[in-house]
Amino acid sequence: EEVKGILKSNRRILKQFNKMGKTTIRYSSLVEAGFNKNYFTNFWKSGGGRVYLFCFEQGFYAIPGSNPLKYSLIQWQDYMRDDLAREE
């Protein structure tokens, strides 16, 4: 039950910052809002090799080398499901 609460909180926070479906944000802003990067429901690997972690339909990816650390936020899209099917 505690994990479910953390996942729902993460989803709410990601959705709050990602109103347009794709954005970049400082990691510190997510943490200040209560985000916990260690809890996610699934993942998706992009064609470019980036692994996005998801809390339900809201995804996040730590941008390597960004200073301060930034995260790319995306919303799950139907084509991602097709990518998963091709990998199996």
PDB file of N, CA and C in Angstrom:
ATOM      1  N   GLU A   1       0.830  -1.207   0.000  1.00  0.00           N
ATOM      2  CA  GLU A   1       0.000   0.000   0.000  1.00  0.00           C
ATOM      3  C   GLU A   1       0.867   1.262   0.000  1.00  0.00           C
ATOM      4  N   GLU A   2       1.998   1.200   0.722  1.00  0.00           N
ATOM      5  CA  GLU A   2       2.903   2.352   0.760  1.00  0.00           C
ATOM      6  C   GLU A   2       3.513   2.609  -0.624  1.00  0.00           C
ATOM      7  N   VAL A   3       3.906   1.526  -1.301  1.00  0.00           N
ATOM      8  CA  VAL A   3       4.488   1.656  -2.647  1.00  0.00           C
ATOM      9  C   VAL A   3       3.469   2.263  -3.601  1.00  0.00           C
ATOM     10  N   LYS A   4       2.234   1.797  -3.517  1.00  0.00           N
ATOM     11  CA  LYS A   4       1.173   2.327  -4.374  1.00  0.00           C
ATOM     12  C   LYS A   4       1.007   3.829  -4.167  1.00  0.00           C
ATOM     13  N   GLY A   5       1.091   4.280  -2.923  1.00  0.00           N
ATOM     14  CA  GLY A   5       0.986   5.703  -2.614  1.00  0.00           C
ATOM     15  C   GLY A   5       2.135   6.502  -3.204  1.00  0.00           C
ATOM     16  N   ILE A   6       3.351   5.956  -3.139  1.00  0.00           N
ATOM     17  CA  ILE A   6       4.519   6.636  -3.701  1.00  0.00           C
ATOM     18  C   ILE A   6       4.392   6.734  -5.216  1.00  0.00           C
ATOM     19  N   LEU A   7       3.948   5.646  -5.848  1.00  0.00           N
ATOM     20  CA  LEU A   7       3.777   5.648  -7.306  1.00  0.00           C
ATOM     21  C   LEU A   7       2.739   6.681  -7.736  1.00  0.00           C
ATOM     22  N   LYS A   8       1.633   6.739  -7.024  1.00  0.00           N
ATOM     23  CA  LYS A   8       0.588   7.710  -7.359  1.00  0.00           C
ATOM     24  C   LYS A   8       1.091   9.136  -7.154  1.00  0.00           C
ATOM     25  N   SER A   9       1.862   9.353  -6.114  1.00  0.00           N
ATOM     26  CA  SER A   9       2.439  10.673  -5.855  1.00  0.00           C
ATOM     27  C   SER A   9       3.403  11.055  -6.977  1.00  0.00           C
ATOM     28  N   ASN A  10       4.266  10.119  -7.369  1.00  0.00           N
ATOM     29  CA  ASN A  10       5.204  10.377  -8.471  1.00  0.00           C
ATOM     30  C   ASN A  10       4.452  10.747  -9.745  1.00  0.00           C
ATOM     31  N   ARG A  11       3.405  10.006 -10.040  1.00  0.00           N
ATOM     32  CA  ARG A  11       2.609  10.268 -11.241  1.00  0.00           C
ATOM     33  C   ARG A  11       2.024  11.677 -11.211  1.00  0.00           C
ATOM     34  N   ARG A  12       1.459  12.041 -10.071  1.00  0.00           N
ATOM     35  CA  ARG A  12       0.861  13.371  -9.909  1.00  0.00           C
ATOM     36  C   ARG A  12       1.912  14.470 -10.104  1.00  0.00           C
ATOM     37  N   ILE A  13       3.090  14.272  -9.524  1.00  0.00           N
ATOM     38  CA  ILE A  13       4.166  15.265  -9.638  1.00  0.00           C
ATOM     39  C   ILE A  13       4.637  15.388 -11.087  1.00  0.00           C
ATOM     40  N   LEU A  14       4.872  14.260 -11.749  1.00  0.00           N
ATOM     41  CA  LEU A  14       5.319  14.293 -13.146  1.00  0.00           C
ATOM     42  C   LEU A  14       4.275  14.970 -14.028  1.00  0.00           C
ATOM     43  N   LYS A  15       3.017  14.637 -13.810  1.00  0.00           N
ATOM     44  CA  LYS A  15       1.935  15.219 -14.599  1.00  0.00           C
ATOM     45  C   LYS A  15       1.842  16.732 -14.373  1.00  0.00           C
ATOM     46  N   GLN A  16       2.057  17.141 -13.146  1.00  0.00           N
ATOM     47  CA  GLN A  16       2.023  18.562 -12.794  1.00  0.00           C
ATOM     48  C   GLN A  16       3.069  19.358 -13.576  1.00  0.00           C
ATOM     49  N   PHE A  17       4.257  18.778 -13.728  1.00  0.00           N
ATOM     50  CA  PHE A  17       5.338  19.484 -14.420  1.00  0.00           C
ATOM     51  C   PHE A  17       5.333  19.254 -15.927  1.00  0.00           C
ATOM     52  N   ASN A  18       4.609  18.251 -16.393  1.00  0.00           N
ATOM     53  CA  ASN A  18       4.637  17.870 -17.808  1.00  0.00           C
ATOM     54  C   ASN A  18       3.263  18.075 -18.448  1.00  0.00           C
ATOM     55  N   LYS A  19       2.796  19.284 -18.462  1.00  0.00           N
ATOM     56  CA  LYS A  19       1.456  19.592 -18.969  1.00  0.00           C
ATOM     57  C   LYS A  19       1.327  19.428 -20.496  1.00  0.00           C
ATOM     58  N   MET A  20       2.419  19.562 -21.234  1.00  0.00           N
ATOM     59  CA  MET A  20       2.363  19.514 -22.697  1.00  0.00           C
ATOM     60  C   MET A  20       2.720  18.137 -23.277  1.00  0.00           C
ATOM     61  N   GLY A  21       3.102  17.188 -22.422  1.00  0.00           N
ATOM     62  CA  GLY A  21       3.442  15.855 -22.924  1.00  0.00           C
ATOM     63  C   GLY A  21       4.921  15.614 -23.096  1.00  0.00           C
ATOM     64  N   LYS A  22       5.718  16.697 -23.106  1.00  0.00           N
ATOM     65  CA  LYS A  22       7.172  16.565 -23.206  1.00  0.00           C
ATOM     66  C   LYS A  22       7.797  17.854 -22.690  1.00  0.00           C
ATOM     67  N   THR A  23       8.747  17.717 -21.759  1.00  0.00           N
ATOM     68  CA  THR A  23       9.403  18.897 -21.212  1.00  0.00           C
ATOM     69  C   THR A  23      10.720  18.507 -20.562  1.00  0.00           C
ATOM     70  N   THR A  24      11.502  19.494 -20.179  1.00  0.00           N
ATOM     71  CA  THR A  24      12.738  19.293 -19.433  1.00  0.00           C
ATOM     72  C   THR A  24      12.635  20.103 -18.152  1.00  0.00           C
ATOM     73  N   ILE A  25      13.102  19.523 -17.055  1.00  0.00           N
ATOM     74  CA  ILE A  25      12.984  20.179 -15.749  1.00  0.00           C
ATOM     75  C   ILE A  25      14.196  19.835 -14.895  1.00  0.00           C
ATOM     76  N   ARG A  26      14.528  20.745 -13.996  1.00  0.00           N
ATOM     77  CA  ARG A  26      15.599  20.456 -13.041  1.00  0.00           C
ATOM     78  C   ARG A  26      15.144  19.354 -12.094  1.00  0.00           C
ATOM     79  N   TYR A  27      16.040  18.426 -11.855  1.00  0.00           N
ATOM     80  CA  TYR A  27      15.740  17.325 -10.943  1.00  0.00           C
ATOM     81  C   TYR A  27      15.389  17.852  -9.553  1.00  0.00           C
ATOM     82  N   SER A  28      16.061  18.907  -9.126  1.00  0.00           N
ATOM     83  CA  SER A  28      15.806  19.469  -7.796  1.00  0.00           C
ATOM     84  C   SER A  28      14.352  19.913  -7.638  1.00  0.00           C
ATOM     85  N   SER A  29      13.737  20.388  -8.719  1.00  0.00           N
ATOM     86  CA  SER A  29      12.322  20.791  -8.660  1.00  0.00           C
ATOM     87  C   SER A  29      11.421  19.589  -8.395  1.00  0.00           C
ATOM     88  N   LEU A  30      11.761  18.467  -8.997  1.00  0.00           N
ATOM     89  CA  LEU A  30      10.986  17.245  -8.766  1.00  0.00           C
ATOM     90  C   LEU A  30      11.127  16.784  -7.318  1.00  0.00           C
ATOM     91  N   VAL A  31      12.371  16.789  -6.821  1.00  0.00           N
ATOM     92  CA  VAL A  31      12.630  16.351  -5.452  1.00  0.00           C
ATOM     93  C   VAL A  31      11.901  17.255  -4.448  1.00  0.00           C
ATOM     94  N   GLU A  32      11.951  18.563  -4.685  1.00  0.00           N
ATOM     95  CA  GLU A  32      11.266  19.506  -3.791  1.00  0.00           C
ATOM     96  C   GLU A  32       9.759  19.240  -3.741  1.00  0.00           C
ATOM     97  N   ALA A  33       9.210  18.725  -4.839  1.00  0.00           N
ATOM     98  CA  ALA A  33       7.776  18.414  -4.893  1.00  0.00           C
ATOM     99  C   ALA A  33       7.458  17.064  -4.256  1.00  0.00           C
ATOM    100  N   GLY A  34       8.510  16.299  -3.891  1.00  0.00           N
ATOM    101  CA  GLY A  34       8.305  15.007  -3.243  1.00  0.00           C
ATOM    102  C   GLY A  34       8.534  13.798  -4.128  1.00  0.00           C
ATOM    103  N   PHE A  35       9.085  13.996  -5.323  1.00  0.00           N
ATOM    104  CA  PHE A  35       9.320  12.914  -6.279  1.00  0.00           C
ATOM    105  C   PHE A  35      10.389  11.947  -5.761  1.00  0.00           C
ATOM    106  N   ASN A  36      10.159  10.646  -5.966  1.00  0.00           N
ATOM    107  CA  ASN A  36      11.114   9.598  -5.587  1.00  0.00           C
ATOM    108  C   ASN A  36      11.446   8.782  -6.829  1.00  0.00           C
ATOM    109  N   LYS A  37      12.642   8.989  -7.390  1.00  0.00           N
ATOM    110  CA  LYS A  37      13.034   8.351  -8.652  1.00  0.00           C
ATOM    111  C   LYS A  37      13.182   6.835  -8.558  1.00  0.00           C
ATOM    112  N   ASN A  38      13.205   6.299  -7.359  1.00  0.00           N
ATOM    113  CA  ASN A  38      13.402   4.862  -7.179  1.00  0.00           C
ATOM    114  C   ASN A  38      12.125   4.042  -7.353  1.00  0.00           C
ATOM    115  N   TYR A  39      11.000   4.710  -7.570  1.00  0.00           N
ATOM    116  CA  TYR A  39       9.723   4.022  -7.716  1.00  0.00           C
ATOM    117  C   TYR A  39       9.135   4.306  -9.089  1.00  0.00           C
ATOM    118  N   PHE A  40       8.917   3.237  -9.872  1.00  0.00           N
ATOM    119  CA  PHE A  40       8.350   3.366 -11.217  1.00  0.00           C
ATOM    120  C   PHE A  40       7.616   2.086 -11.558  1.00  0.00           C
ATOM    121  N   THR A  41       6.730   2.163 -12.545  1.00  0.00           N
ATOM    122  CA  THR A  41       5.899   1.009 -12.891  1.00  0.00           C
ATOM    123  C   THR A  41       6.412   0.223 -14.093  1.00  0.00           C
ATOM    124  N   ASN A  42       7.086   0.876 -15.015  1.00  0.00           N
ATOM    125  CA  ASN A  42       7.583   0.214 -16.218  1.00  0.00           C
ATOM    126  C   ASN A  42       8.644   1.092 -16.876  1.00  0.00           C
ATOM    127  N   PHE A  43       9.185   0.622 -17.985  1.00  0.00           N
ATOM    128  CA  PHE A  43      10.194   1.401 -18.702  1.00  0.00           C
ATOM    129  C   PHE A  43      10.028   1.233 -20.196  1.00  0.00           C
ATOM    130  N   TRP A  44      10.679   2.124 -20.932  1.00  0.00           N
ATOM    131  CA  TRP A  44      10.668   2.065 -22.393  1.00  0.00           C
ATOM    132  C   TRP A  44      12.026   2.517 -22.898  1.00  0.00           C
ATOM    133  N   LYS A  45      12.591   1.771 -23.844  1.00  0.00           N
ATOM    134  CA  LYS A  45      13.880   2.114 -24.435  1.00  0.00           C
ATOM    135  C   LYS A  45      13.636   2.745 -25.803  1.00  0.00           C
ATOM    136  N   SER A  46      14.098   3.991 -25.955  1.00  0.00           N
ATOM    137  CA  SER A  46      13.901   4.705 -27.217  1.00  0.00           C
ATOM    138  C   SER A  46      14.831   4.155 -28.294  1.00  0.00           C
ATOM    139  N   GLY A  47      14.559   4.519 -29.535  1.00  0.00           N
ATOM    140  CA  GLY A  47      15.402   4.109 -30.642  1.00  0.00           C
ATOM    141  C   GLY A  47      16.837   4.585 -30.473  1.00  0.00           C
ATOM    142  N   GLY A  48      17.021   5.686 -29.778  1.00  0.00           N
ATOM    143  CA  GLY A  48      18.354   6.228 -29.523  1.00  0.00           C
ATOM    144  C   GLY A  48      19.049   5.601 -28.329  1.00  0.00           C
ATOM    145  N   GLY A  49      18.386   4.643 -27.689  1.00  0.00           N
ATOM    146  CA  GLY A  49      18.991   3.930 -26.574  1.00  0.00           C
ATOM    147  C   GLY A  49      18.711   4.501 -25.193  1.00  0.00           C
ATOM    148  N   ARG A  50      17.943   5.563 -25.119  1.00  0.00           N
ATOM    149  CA  ARG A  50      17.589   6.123 -23.810  1.00  0.00           C
ATOM    150  C   ARG A  50      16.550   5.234 -23.141  1.00  0.00           C
ATOM    151  N   VAL A  51      16.717   5.009 -21.854  1.00  0.00           N
ATOM    152  CA  VAL A  51      15.751   4.218 -21.097  1.00  0.00           C
ATOM    153  C   VAL A  51      14.948   5.173 -20.220  1.00  0.00           C
ATOM    154  N   TYR A  52      13.677   5.319 -20.561  1.00  0.00           N
ATOM    155  CA  TYR A  52      12.757   6.148 -19.783  1.00  0.00           C
ATOM    156  C   TYR A  52      12.063   5.262 -18.762  1.00  0.00           C
ATOM    157  N   LEU A  53      12.018   5.712 -17.528  1.00  0.00           N
ATOM    158  CA  LEU A  53      11.264   5.033 -16.483  1.00  0.00           C
ATOM    159  C   LEU A  53       9.903   5.701 -16.405  1.00  0.00           C
ATOM    160  N   PHE A  54       8.874   4.923 -16.116  1.00  0.00           N
ATOM    161  CA  PHE A  54       7.508   5.451 -16.106  1.00  0.00           C
ATOM    162  C   PHE A  54       6.810   5.200 -14.778  1.00  0.00           C
ATOM    163  N   CYS A  55       5.994   6.161 -14.388  1.00  0.00           N
ATOM    164  CA  CYS A  55       4.997   5.997 -13.328  1.00  0.00           C
ATOM    165  C   CYS A  55       3.667   6.068 -14.061  1.00  0.00           C
ATOM    166  N   PHE A  56       3.149   4.898 -14.362  1.00  0.00           N
ATOM    167  CA  PHE A  56       1.945   4.772 -15.177  1.00  0.00           C
ATOM    168  C   PHE A  56       2.213   5.387 -16.553  1.00  0.00           C
ATOM    169  N   GLU A  57       1.547   6.455 -16.964  1.00  0.00           N
ATOM    170  CA  GLU A  57       1.755   7.016 -18.312  1.00  0.00           C
ATOM    171  C   GLU A  57       2.750   8.168 -18.335  1.00  0.00           C
ATOM    172  N   GLN A  58       3.347   8.503 -17.199  1.00  0.00           N
ATOM    173  CA  GLN A  58       4.282   9.624 -17.117  1.00  0.00           C
ATOM    174  C   GLN A  58       5.714   9.100 -17.005  1.00  0.00           C
ATOM    175  N   GLY A  59       6.572   9.486 -17.974  1.00  0.00           N
ATOM    176  CA  GLY A  59       7.932   8.978 -18.011  1.00  0.00           C
ATOM    177  C   GLY A  59       8.974  10.025 -17.673  1.00  0.00           C
ATOM    178  N   PHE A  60      10.147   9.535 -17.236  1.00  0.00           N
ATOM    179  CA  PHE A  60      11.250  10.429 -16.897  1.00  0.00           C
ATOM    180  C   PHE A  60      12.586   9.789 -17.244  1.00  0.00           C
ATOM    181  N   TYR A  61      13.562  10.643 -17.552  1.00  0.00           N
ATOM    182  CA  TYR A  61      14.893  10.212 -17.970  1.00  0.00           C
ATOM    183  C   TYR A  61      15.900  11.253 -17.499  1.00  0.00           C
ATOM    184  N   ALA A  62      16.920  10.812 -16.768  1.00  0.00           N
ATOM    185  CA  ALA A  62      17.975  11.720 -16.310  1.00  0.00           C
ATOM    186  C   ALA A  62      18.886  12.051 -17.486  1.00  0.00           C
ATOM    187  N   ILE A  63      19.043  13.316 -17.785  1.00  0.00           N
ATOM    188  CA  ILE A  63      19.881  13.748 -18.913  1.00  0.00           C
ATOM    189  C   ILE A  63      21.340  13.716 -18.483  1.00  0.00           C
ATOM    190  N   PRO A  64      22.138  12.806 -19.067  1.00  0.00           N
ATOM    191  CA  PRO A  64      23.536  12.664 -18.657  1.00  0.00           C
ATOM    192  C   PRO A  64      24.332  13.955 -18.907  1.00  0.00           C
ATOM    193  N   GLY A  65      25.186  14.285 -17.953  1.00  0.00           N
ATOM    194  CA  GLY A  65      26.070  15.438 -18.118  1.00  0.00           C
ATOM    195  C   GLY A  65      25.415  16.780 -17.866  1.00  0.00           C
ATOM    196  N   SER A  66      24.118  16.811 -17.586  1.00  0.00           N
ATOM    197  CA  SER A  66      23.463  18.099 -17.348  1.00  0.00           C
ATOM    198  C   SER A  66      23.876  18.614 -15.965  1.00  0.00           C
ATOM    199  N   ASN A  67      24.142  19.910 -15.908  1.00  0.00           N
ATOM    200  CA  ASN A  67      24.564  20.521 -14.651  1.00  0.00           C
ATOM    201  C   ASN A  67      23.912  21.884 -14.523  1.00  0.00           C
ATOM    202  N   PRO A  68      22.944  22.057 -13.627  1.00  0.00           N
ATOM    203  CA  PRO A  68      22.482  21.049 -12.669  1.00  0.00           C
ATOM    204  C   PRO A  68      21.736  19.916 -13.370  1.00  0.00           C
ATOM    205  N   LEU A  69      21.595  18.794 -12.645  1.00  0.00           N
ATOM    206  CA  LEU A  69      20.933  17.621 -13.207  1.00  0.00           C
ATOM    207  C   LEU A  69      19.522  17.970 -13.670  1.00  0.00           C
ATOM    208  N   LYS A  70      19.221  17.588 -14.896  1.00  0.00           N
ATOM    209  CA  LYS A  70      17.890  17.819 -15.460  1.00  0.00           C
ATOM    210  C   LYS A  70      17.284  16.494 -15.894  1.00  0.00           C
ATOM    211  N   TYR A  71      15.963  16.469 -15.909  1.00  0.00           N
ATOM    212  CA  TYR A  71      15.219  15.310 -16.354  1.00  0.00           C
ATOM    213  C   TYR A  71      14.362  15.680 -17.554  1.00  0.00           C
ATOM    214  N   SER A  72      14.309  14.756 -18.493  1.00  0.00           N
ATOM    215  CA  SER A  72      13.385  14.866 -19.613  1.00  0.00           C
ATOM    216  C   SER A  72      12.120  14.124 -19.201  1.00  0.00           C
ATOM    217  N   LEU A  73      10.977  14.791 -19.325  1.00  0.00           N
ATOM    218  CA  LEU A  73       9.695  14.180 -18.978  1.00  0.00           C
ATOM    219  C   LEU A  73       8.893  13.965 -20.251  1.00  0.00           C
ATOM    220  N   ILE A  74       8.284  12.799 -20.369  1.00  0.00           N
ATOM    221  CA  ILE A  74       7.446  12.497 -21.527  1.00  0.00           C
ATOM    222  C   ILE A  74       6.177  11.787 -21.064  1.00  0.00           C
ATOM    223  N   GLN A  75       5.195  11.801 -21.938  1.00  0.00           N
ATOM    224  CA  GLN A  75       3.959  11.063 -21.684  1.00  0.00           C
ATOM    225  C   GLN A  75       3.941   9.843 -22.591  1.00  0.00           C
ATOM    226  N   TRP A  76       3.468   8.711 -22.081  1.00  0.00           N
ATOM    227  CA  TRP A  76       3.392   7.464 -22.857  1.00  0.00           C
ATOM    228  C   TRP A  76       2.594   7.682 -24.136  1.00  0.00           C
ATOM    229  N   GLN A  77       3.087   7.153 -25.238  1.00  0.00           N
ATOM    230  CA  GLN A  77       2.432   7.258 -26.538  1.00  0.00           C
ATOM    231  C   GLN A  77       2.185   5.853 -27.092  1.00  0.00           C
ATOM    232  N   ASP A  78       1.189   5.710 -27.942  1.00  0.00           N
ATOM    233  CA  ASP A  78       0.847   4.400 -28.505  1.00  0.00           C
ATOM    234  C   ASP A  78       2.007   3.741 -29.239  1.00  0.00           C
ATOM    235  N   TYR A  79       2.841   4.526 -29.928  1.00  0.00           N
ATOM    236  CA  TYR A  79       3.947   3.930 -30.680  1.00  0.00           C
ATOM    237  C   TYR A  79       4.948   3.225 -29.761  1.00  0.00           C
ATOM    238  N   MET A  80       5.001   3.602 -28.507  1.00  0.00           N
ATOM    239  CA  MET A  80       5.919   2.958 -27.561  1.00  0.00           C
ATOM    240  C   MET A  80       5.514   1.506 -27.336  1.00  0.00           C
ATOM    241  N   ARG A  81       4.229   1.244 -27.328  1.00  0.00           N
ATOM    242  CA  ARG A  81       3.734  -0.121 -27.173  1.00  0.00           C
ATOM    243  C   ARG A  81       4.184  -0.955 -28.375  1.00  0.00           C
ATOM    244  N   ASP A  82       4.139  -0.367 -29.578  1.00  0.00           N
ATOM    245  CA  ASP A  82       4.576  -1.072 -30.783  1.00  0.00           C
ATOM    246  C   ASP A  82       6.060  -1.392 -30.704  1.00  0.00           C
ATOM    247  N   ASP A  83       6.852  -0.467 -30.154  1.00  0.00           N
ATOM    248  CA  ASP A  83       8.286  -0.702 -29.984  1.00  0.00           C
ATOM    249  C   ASP A  83       8.525  -1.887 -29.047  1.00  0.00           C
ATOM    250  N   LEU A  84       7.761  -1.989 -27.984  1.00  0.00           N
ATOM    251  CA  LEU A  84       7.904  -3.088 -27.036  1.00  0.00           C
ATOM    252  C   LEU A  84       7.567  -4.402 -27.695  1.00  0.00           C
ATOM    253  N   ALA A  85       6.523  -4.438 -28.515  1.00  0.00           N
ATOM    254  CA  ALA A  85       6.115  -5.668 -29.189  1.00  0.00           C
ATOM    255  C   ALA A  85       7.208  -6.162 -30.140  1.00  0.00           C
ATOM    256  N   ARG A  86       7.884  -5.245 -30.819  1.00  0.00           N
ATOM    257  CA  ARG A  86       8.950  -5.616 -31.753  1.00  0.00           C
ATOM    258  C   ARG A  86      10.149  -6.221 -31.028  1.00  0.00           C
ATOM    259  N   GLU A  87      10.399  -5.808 -29.786  1.00  0.00           N
ATOM    260  CA  GLU A  87      11.549  -6.295 -29.043  1.00  0.00           C
ATOM    261  C   GLU A  87      11.335  -7.705 -28.511  1.00  0.00           C
ATOM    262  N   GLU A  88      10.090  -8.129 -28.362  1.00  0.00           N
ATOM    263  CA  GLU A  88       9.816  -9.457 -27.774  1.00  0.00           C
ATOM    264  C   GLU A  88      10.021 -10.567 -28.781  1.00  0.00           C
TER     265      GLU A  88
END
